Amino acid sequence: TLKDEHTVVADGREYSADNIIIATGSRAKMPPIAGI
């Protein structure tokens, strides 16, 4: 997860870099249908 524009947190540890690329993909979109 993002802490700031140079830092992420994972498993309680901080990692830093000059740049970050978010490439987290997608998931199925479930419409609001009764019984879904």
All heavy atoms as atom14 arrays in JSON, in Angstrom:
{
  "sequence": "TLKDEHTVVADGREYSADNIIIATGSRAKMPPIAGI",
  "atom14_mask": [
    [1, 1, 1, 1, 1, 1, 1, 0, 0, 0, 0, 0, 0, 0],
    [1, 1, 1, 1, 1, 1, 1, 1, 0, 0, 0, 0, 0, 0],
    [1, 1, 1, 1, 1, 1, 1, 1, 1, 0, 0, 0, 0, 0],
    [1, 1, 1, 1, 1, 1, 1, 1, 0, 0, 0, 0, 0, 0],
    [1, 1, 1, 1, 1, 1, 1, 1, 1, 0, 0, 0, 0, 0],
    [1, 1, 1, 1, 1, 1, 1, 1, 1, 1, 0, 0, 0, 0],
    [1, 1, 1, 1, 1, 1, 1, 0, 0, 0, 0, 0, 0, 0],
    [1, 1, 1, 1, 1, 1, 1, 0, 0, 0, 0, 0, 0, 0],
    [1, 1, 1, 1, 1, 1, 1, 0, 0, 0, 0, 0, 0, 0],
    [1, 1, 1, 1, 1, 0, 0, 0, 0, 0, 0, 0, 0, 0],
    [1, 1, 1, 1, 1, 1, 1, 1, 0, 0, 0, 0, 0, 0],
    [1, 1, 1, 1, 0, 0, 0, 0, 0, 0, 0, 0, 0, 0],
    [1, 1, 1, 1, 1, 1, 1, 1, 1, 1, 1, 0, 0, 0],
    [1, 1, 1, 1, 1, 1, 1, 1, 1, 0, 0, 0, 0, 0],
    [1, 1, 1, 1, 1, 1, 1, 1, 1, 1, 1, 1, 0, 0],
    [1, 1, 1, 1, 1, 1, 0, 0, 0, 0, 0, 0, 0, 0],
    [1, 1, 1, 1, 1, 0, 0, 0, 0, 0, 0, 0, 0, 0],
    [1, 1, 1, 1, 1, 1, 1, 1, 0, 0, 0, 0, 0, 0],
    [1, 1, 1, 1, 1, 1, 1, 1, 0, 0, 0, 0, 0, 0],
    [1, 1, 1, 1, 1, 1, 1, 1, 0, 0, 0, 0, 0, 0],
    [1, 1, 1, 1, 1, 1, 1, 1, 0, 0, 0, 0, 0, 0],
    [1, 1, 1, 1, 1, 1, 1, 1, 0, 0, 0, 0, 0, 0],
    [1, 1, 1, 1, 1, 0, 0, 0, 0, 0, 0, 0, 0, 0],
    [1, 1, 1, 1, 1, 1, 1, 0, 0, 0, 0, 0, 0, 0],
    [1, 1, 1, 1, 0, 0, 0, 0, 0, 0, 0, 0, 0, 0],
    [1, 1, 1, 1, 1, 1, 0, 0, 0, 0, 0, 0, 0, 0],
    [1, 1, 1, 1, 1, 1, 1, 1, 1, 1, 1, 0, 0, 0],
    [1, 1, 1, 1, 1, 0, 0, 0, 0, 0, 0, 0, 0, 0],
    [1, 1, 1, 1, 1, 1, 1, 1, 1, 0, 0, 0, 0, 0],
    [1, 1, 1, 1, 1, 1, 1, 1, 0, 0, 0, 0, 0, 0],
    [1, 1, 1, 1, 1, 1, 1, 0, 0, 0, 0, 0, 0, 0],
    [1, 1, 1, 1, 1, 1, 1, 0, 0, 0, 0, 0, 0, 0],
    [1, 1, 1, 1, 1, 1, 1, 1, 0, 0, 0, 0, 0, 0],
    [1, 1, 1, 1, 1, 0, 0, 0, 0, 0, 0, 0, 0, 0],
    [1, 1, 1, 1, 0, 0, 0, 0, 0, 0, 0, 0, 0, 0],
    [1, 1, 1, 1, 1, 1, 1, 1, 0, 0, 0, 0, 0, 0]
  ],
  "atom14_positions": [
    [[0.85, -1.19, 0.0], [0.0, 0.0, 0.0], [0.89, 1.24, 0.0], [2.02, 1.21, 0.49], [-0.93, 0.04, 1.22], [-0.12, -0.01, 2.42], [-1.87, -1.15, 1.22], [0.0, 0.0, 0.0], [0.0, 0.0, 0.0], [0.0, 0.0, 0.0], [0.0, 0.0, 0.0], [0.0, 0.0, 0.0], [0.0, 0.0, 0.0], [0.0, 0.0, 0.0]],
    [[0.36, 2.31, -0.56], [1.14, 3.54, -0.67], [1.18, 4.29, 0.66], [0.14, 4.47, 1.31], [0.52, 4.44, -1.74], [0.5, 3.89, -3.16], [-0.41, 4.74, -4.03], [1.9, 3.86, -3.75], [0.0, 0.0, 0.0], [0.0, 0.0, 0.0], [0.0, 0.0, 0.0], [0.0, 0.0, 0.0], [0.0, 0.0, 0.0], [0.0, 0.0, 0.0]],
    [[2.36, 4.75, 1.04], [2.5, 5.64, 2.19], [2.68, 7.08, 1.7], [2.05, 8.0, 2.22], [3.69, 5.23, 3.06], [3.88, 6.15, 4.25], [5.08, 5.72, 5.11], [5.24, 6.68, 6.29], [6.42, 6.32, 7.13], [0.0, 0.0, 0.0], [0.0, 0.0, 0.0], [0.0, 0.0, 0.0], [0.0, 0.0, 0.0], [0.0, 0.0, 0.0]],
    [[3.57, 7.25, 0.72], [3.73, 8.54, 0.04], [4.17, 8.23, -1.38], [4.22, 7.07, -1.78], [4.7, 9.47, 0.78], [6.08, 8.85, 0.97], [6.63, 8.31, -0.02], [6.62, 8.9, 2.09], [0.0, 0.0, 0.0], [0.0, 0.0, 0.0], [0.0, 0.0, 0.0], [0.0, 0.0, 0.0], [0.0, 0.0, 0.0], [0.0, 0.0, 0.0]],
    [[4.52, 9.25, -2.15], [4.79, 8.99, -3.56], [6.13, 8.29, -3.82], [6.44, 7.97, -4.97], [4.7, 10.27, -4.39], [5.74, 11.32, -4.1], [5.6, 12.5, -5.06], [6.06, 12.39, -6.21], [5.01, 13.51, -4.65], [0.0, 0.0, 0.0], [0.0, 0.0, 0.0], [0.0, 0.0, 0.0], [0.0, 0.0, 0.0], [0.0, 0.0, 0.0]],
    [[6.87, 8.03, -2.78], [8.12, 7.28, -2.93], [8.16, 6.03, -2.06], [9.15, 5.29, -2.09], [9.33, 8.16, -2.58], [9.54, 9.31, -3.51], [9.98, 9.15, -4.79], [9.34, 10.64, -3.32], [10.06, 10.34, -5.38], [9.67, 11.26, -4.5], [0.0, 0.0, 0.0], [0.0, 0.0, 0.0], [0.0, 0.0, 0.0], [0.0, 0.0, 0.0]],
    [[7.12, 5.78, -1.27], [7.19, 4.73, -0.25], [5.94, 3.87, -0.25], [4.83, 4.38, -0.37], [7.36, 5.34, 1.15], [8.43, 6.28, 1.13], [7.63, 4.26, 2.19], [0.0, 0.0, 0.0], [0.0, 0.0, 0.0], [0.0, 0.0, 0.0], [0.0, 0.0, 0.0], [0.0, 0.0, 0.0], [0.0, 0.0, 0.0], [0.0, 0.0, 0.0]],
    [[6.16, 2.54, -0.1], [5.04, 1.62, 0.11], [5.3, 0.84, 1.39], [6.44, 0.73, 1.86], [4.85, 0.64, -1.07], [4.62, 1.39, -2.37], [6.03, -0.32, -1.19], [0.0, 0.0, 0.0], [0.0, 0.0, 0.0], [0.0, 0.0, 0.0], [0.0, 0.0, 0.0], [0.0, 0.0, 0.0], [0.0, 0.0, 0.0], [0.0, 0.0, 0.0]],
    [[4.22, 0.28, 1.93], [4.31, -0.56, 3.13], [3.8, -1.94, 2.78], [2.73, -2.1, 2.17], [3.48, 0.04, 4.28], [3.55, -0.87, 5.51], [3.96, 1.44, 4.62], [0.0, 0.0, 0.0], [0.0, 0.0, 0.0], [0.0, 0.0, 0.0], [0.0, 0.0, 0.0], [0.0, 0.0, 0.0], [0.0, 0.0, 0.0], [0.0, 0.0, 0.0]],
    [[4.57, -2.97, 3.15], [4.18, -4.35, 2.9], [4.63, -5.21, 4.07], [5.82, -5.15, 4.45], [4.79, -4.88, 1.6], [0.0, 0.0, 0.0], [0.0, 0.0, 0.0], [0.0, 0.0, 0.0], [0.0, 0.0, 0.0], [0.0, 0.0, 0.0], [0.0, 0.0, 0.0], [0.0, 0.0, 0.0], [0.0, 0.0, 0.0], [0.0, 0.0, 0.0]],
    [[3.7, -5.96, 4.64], [4.01, -6.79, 5.81], [4.69, -6.0, 6.92], [5.62, -6.48, 7.58], [4.89, -7.98, 5.4], [4.08, -9.14, 4.86], [2.84, -9.14, 5.02], [4.68, -10.06, 4.25], [0.0, 0.0, 0.0], [0.0, 0.0, 0.0], [0.0, 0.0, 0.0], [0.0, 0.0, 0.0], [0.0, 0.0, 0.0], [0.0, 0.0, 0.0]],
    [[4.23, -4.77, 7.11], [4.75, -3.95, 8.19], [6.09, -3.3, 7.93], [6.64, -2.61, 8.8], [0.0, 0.0, 0.0], [0.0, 0.0, 0.0], [0.0, 0.0, 0.0], [0.0, 0.0, 0.0], [0.0, 0.0, 0.0], [0.0, 0.0, 0.0], [0.0, 0.0, 0.0], [0.0, 0.0, 0.0], [0.0, 0.0, 0.0], [0.0, 0.0, 0.0]],
    [[6.64, -3.5, 6.74], [7.96, -2.95, 6.41], [7.81, -1.89, 5.34], [6.98, -2.01, 4.44], [8.88, -4.06, 5.92], [10.27, -3.6, 5.54], [11.12, -4.76, 5.04], [12.37, -4.28, 4.48], [13.26, -5.06, 3.85], [13.01, -6.36, 3.73], [14.37, -4.56, 3.36], [0.0, 0.0, 0.0], [0.0, 0.0, 0.0], [0.0, 0.0, 0.0]],
    [[8.63, -0.84, 5.41], [8.59, 0.21, 4.41], [9.66, -0.01, 3.34], [10.77, -0.44, 3.63], [8.8, 1.59, 5.06], [7.66, 2.01, 5.97], [7.8, 3.43, 6.47], [8.8, 4.1, 6.09], [6.92, 3.89, 7.22], [0.0, 0.0, 0.0], [0.0, 0.0, 0.0], [0.0, 0.0, 0.0], [0.0, 0.0, 0.0], [0.0, 0.0, 0.0]],
    [[9.27, 0.28, 2.09], [10.19, 0.2, 0.95], [10.09, 1.52, 0.2], [8.98, 2.02, -0.03], [9.8, -0.92, 0.0], [9.82, -2.31, 0.6], [8.75, -2.77, 1.38], [10.88, -3.18, 0.35], [8.76, -4.05, 1.91], [10.88, -4.48, 0.88], [9.82, -4.9, 1.66], [9.82, -6.17, 2.18], [0.0, 0.0, 0.0], [0.0, 0.0, 0.0]],
    [[11.23, 2.07, -0.21], [11.24, 3.35, -0.9], [11.94, 3.25, -2.24], [12.83, 2.4, -2.44], [11.94, 4.42, -0.05], [11.21, 4.66, 1.15], [0.0, 0.0, 0.0], [0.0, 0.0, 0.0], [0.0, 0.0, 0.0], [0.0, 0.0, 0.0], [0.0, 0.0, 0.0], [0.0, 0.0, 0.0], [0.0, 0.0, 0.0], [0.0, 0.0, 0.0]],
    [[11.54, 4.12, -3.17], [12.15, 4.16, -4.5], [11.92, 5.53, -5.11], [11.07, 6.31, -4.66], [11.56, 3.07, -5.4], [0.0, 0.0, 0.0], [0.0, 0.0, 0.0], [0.0, 0.0, 0.0], [0.0, 0.0, 0.0], [0.0, 0.0, 0.0], [0.0, 0.0, 0.0], [0.0, 0.0, 0.0], [0.0, 0.0, 0.0], [0.0, 0.0, 0.0]],
    [[12.66, 5.82, -6.17], [12.49, 7.1, -6.87], [11.11, 7.2, -7.5], [10.51, 8.27, -7.5], [13.55, 7.24, -7.96], [14.96, 7.27, -7.41], [15.2, 8.04, -6.47], [15.81, 6.52, -7.91], [0.0, 0.0, 0.0], [0.0, 0.0, 0.0], [0.0, 0.0, 0.0], [0.0, 0.0, 0.0], [0.0, 0.0, 0.0], [0.0, 0.0, 0.0]],
    [[10.64, 6.09, -8.05], [9.35, 6.08, -8.74], [8.57, 4.82, -8.4], [9.16, 3.8, -7.99], [9.54, 6.14, -10.25], [10.2, 7.42, -10.72], [11.41, 7.46, -10.94], [9.41, 8.47, -10.87], [0.0, 0.0, 0.0], [0.0, 0.0, 0.0], [0.0, 0.0, 0.0], [0.0, 0.0, 0.0], [0.0, 0.0, 0.0], [0.0, 0.0, 0.0]],
    [[7.26, 4.89, -8.57], [6.37, 3.76, -8.31], [5.47, 3.58, -9.52], [4.94, 4.55, -10.06], [5.51, 4.0, -7.05], [6.4, 4.1, -5.8], [4.47, 2.88, -6.89], [5.64, 4.52, -4.55], [0.0, 0.0, 0.0], [0.0, 0.0, 0.0], [0.0, 0.0, 0.0], [0.0, 0.0, 0.0], [0.0, 0.0, 0.0], [0.0, 0.0, 0.0]],
    [[5.3, 2.33, -9.94], [4.34, 1.98, -10.99], [3.26, 1.11, -10.36], [3.56, 0.07, -9.76], [4.99, 1.24, -12.16], [5.99, 2.14, -12.89], [3.92, 0.75, -13.14], [6.73, 1.44, -14.03], [0.0, 0.0, 0.0], [0.0, 0.0, 0.0], [0.0, 0.0, 0.0], [0.0, 0.0, 0.0], [0.0, 0.0, 0.0], [0.0, 0.0, 0.0]],
    [[2.0, 1.52, -10.5], [0.87, 0.73, -10.03], [0.36, -0.12, -11.18], [-0.03, 0.4, -12.22], [-0.26, 1.63, -9.49], [0.25, 2.46, -8.3], [-1.47, 0.8, -9.08], [-0.73, 3.53, -7.85], [0.0, 0.0, 0.0], [0.0, 0.0, 0.0], [0.0, 0.0, 0.0], [0.0, 0.0, 0.0], [0.0, 0.0, 0.0], [0.0, 0.0, 0.0]],
    [[0.39, -1.44, -10.99], [-0.03, -2.38, -12.05], [-0.86, -3.48, -11.41], [-0.57, -4.68, -11.55], [1.2, -2.96, -12.76], [0.0, 0.0, 0.0], [0.0, 0.0, 0.0], [0.0, 0.0, 0.0], [0.0, 0.0, 0.0], [0.0, 0.0, 0.0], [0.0, 0.0, 0.0], [0.0, 0.0, 0.0], [0.0, 0.0, 0.0], [0.0, 0.0, 0.0]],
    [[-1.91, -3.08, -10.7], [-2.66, -4.01, -9.86], [-3.81, -4.72, -10.58], [-4.54, -5.5, -9.95], [-3.22, -3.26, -8.63], [-3.84, -2.04, -9.07], [-2.11, -2.93, -7.67], [0.0, 0.0, 0.0], [0.0, 0.0, 0.0], [0.0, 0.0, 0.0], [0.0, 0.0, 0.0], [0.0, 0.0, 0.0], [0.0, 0.0, 0.0], [0.0, 0.0, 0.0]],
    [[-3.99, -4.48, -11.87], [-4.95, -5.26, -12.64], [-6.4, -4.96, -12.32], [-6.75, -3.86, -11.88], [0.0, 0.0, 0.0], [0.0, 0.0, 0.0], [0.0, 0.0, 0.0], [0.0, 0.0, 0.0], [0.0, 0.0, 0.0], [0.0, 0.0, 0.0], [0.0, 0.0, 0.0], [0.0, 0.0, 0.0], [0.0, 0.0, 0.0], [0.0, 0.0, 0.0]],
    [[-7.25, -5.97, -12.52], [-8.69, -5.77, -12.37], [-9.33, -7.0, -11.75], [-8.69, -8.05, -11.6], [-9.33, -5.48, -13.73], [-9.15, -6.59, -14.61], [0.0, 0.0, 0.0], [0.0, 0.0, 0.0], [0.0, 0.0, 0.0], [0.0, 0.0, 0.0], [0.0, 0.0, 0.0], [0.0, 0.0, 0.0], [0.0, 0.0, 0.0], [0.0, 0.0, 0.0]],
    [[-10.6, -6.86, -11.44], [-11.39, -7.99, -10.94], [-12.77, -7.94, -11.6], [-13.14, -6.93, -12.21], [-11.53, -7.92, -9.42], [-12.27, -6.71, -8.89], [-12.29, -6.71, -7.36], [-13.1, -5.64, -6.8], [-12.66, -4.4, -6.57], [-11.41, -4.09, -6.87], [-13.46, -3.5, -6.04], [0.0, 0.0, 0.0], [0.0, 0.0, 0.0], [0.0, 0.0, 0.0]],
    [[-13.51, -9.03, -11.48], [-14.82, -9.09, -12.09], [-15.75, -8.04, -11.51], [-15.77, -7.81, -10.31], [-15.42, -10.49, -11.9], [0.0, 0.0, 0.0], [0.0, 0.0, 0.0], [0.0, 0.0, 0.0], [0.0, 0.0, 0.0], [0.0, 0.0, 0.0], [0.0, 0.0, 0.0], [0.0, 0.0, 0.0], [0.0, 0.0, 0.0], [0.0, 0.0, 0.0]],
    [[-16.51, -7.4, -12.39], [-17.49, -6.41, -11.97], [-18.83, -7.12, -11.78], [-19.35, -7.73, -12.71], [-17.62, -5.32, -13.03], [-18.57, -4.18, -12.65], [-18.81, -3.27, -13.85], [-17.53, -2.59, -14.28], [-17.77, -1.65, -15.42], [0.0, 0.0, 0.0], [0.0, 0.0, 0.0], [0.0, 0.0, 0.0], [0.0, 0.0, 0.0], [0.0, 0.0, 0.0]],
    [[-19.37, -7.04, -10.59], [-20.63, -7.73, -10.27], [-21.76, -6.71, -10.19], [-21.75, -5.85, -9.31], [-20.49, -8.5, -8.96], [-19.35, -9.5, -8.95], [-19.52, -10.79, -10.22], [-20.68, -11.89, -9.4], [0.0, 0.0, 0.0], [0.0, 0.0, 0.0], [0.0, 0.0, 0.0], [0.0, 0.0, 0.0], [0.0, 0.0, 0.0], [0.0, 0.0, 0.0]],
    [[-22.72, -6.77, -11.09], [-23.8, -5.79, -11.08], [-24.75, -6.01, -9.91], [-24.82, -7.12, -9.34], [-24.5, -6.05, -12.43], [-24.22, -7.48, -12.72], [-22.85, -7.75, -12.17], [0.0, 0.0, 0.0], [0.0, 0.0, 0.0], [0.0, 0.0, 0.0], [0.0, 0.0, 0.0], [0.0, 0.0, 0.0], [0.0, 0.0, 0.0], [0.0, 0.0, 0.0]],
    [[-25.52, -5.0, -9.54], [-26.44, -5.12, -8.4], [-27.73, -5.86, -8.77], [-28.8, -5.27, -8.87], [-26.71, -3.66, -8.03], [-26.58, -2.92, -9.32], [-25.51, -3.63, -10.08], [0.0, 0.0, 0.0], [0.0, 0.0, 0.0], [0.0, 0.0, 0.0], [0.0, 0.0, 0.0], [0.0, 0.0, 0.0], [0.0, 0.0, 0.0], [0.0, 0.0, 0.0]],
    [[-27.6, -7.16, -8.94], [-28.75, -8.01, -9.3], [-29.14, -8.84, -8.08], [-28.28, -9.48, -7.45], [-28.4, -8.95, -10.47], [-28.04, -8.13, -11.73], [-29.56, -9.9, -10.78], [-27.49, -8.98, -12.86], [0.0, 0.0, 0.0], [0.0, 0.0, 0.0], [0.0, 0.0, 0.0], [0.0, 0.0, 0.0], [0.0, 0.0, 0.0], [0.0, 0.0, 0.0]],
    [[-30.41, -8.86, -7.75], [-30.87, -9.69, -6.63], [-30.53, -11.15, -6.9], [-30.77, -11.66, -7.99], [-32.38, -9.52, -6.46], [0.0, 0.0, 0.0], [0.0, 0.0, 0.0], [0.0, 0.0, 0.0], [0.0, 0.0, 0.0], [0.0, 0.0, 0.0], [0.0, 0.0, 0.0], [0.0, 0.0, 0.0], [0.0, 0.0, 0.0], [0.0, 0.0, 0.0]],
    [[-29.95, -11.8, -5.9], [-29.61, -13.21, -6.03], [-28.24, -13.49, -6.61], [-27.87, -14.65, -6.81], [0.0, 0.0, 0.0], [0.0, 0.0, 0.0], [0.0, 0.0, 0.0], [0.0, 0.0, 0.0], [0.0, 0.0, 0.0], [0.0, 0.0, 0.0], [0.0, 0.0, 0.0], [0.0, 0.0, 0.0], [0.0, 0.0, 0.0], [0.0, 0.0, 0.0]],
    [[-27.46, -12.44, -6.83], [-26.16, -12.64, -7.47], [-25.18, -13.37, -6.55], [-24.15, -13.88, -7.01], [-25.59, -11.29, -7.95], [-24.58, -11.52, -9.08], [-24.96, -10.51, -6.78], [-24.25, -10.27, -9.85], [0.0, 0.0, 0.0], [0.0, 0.0, 0.0], [0.0, 0.0, 0.0], [0.0, 0.0, 0.0], [0.0, 0.0, 0.0], [0.0, 0.0, 0.0]]
  ]
}
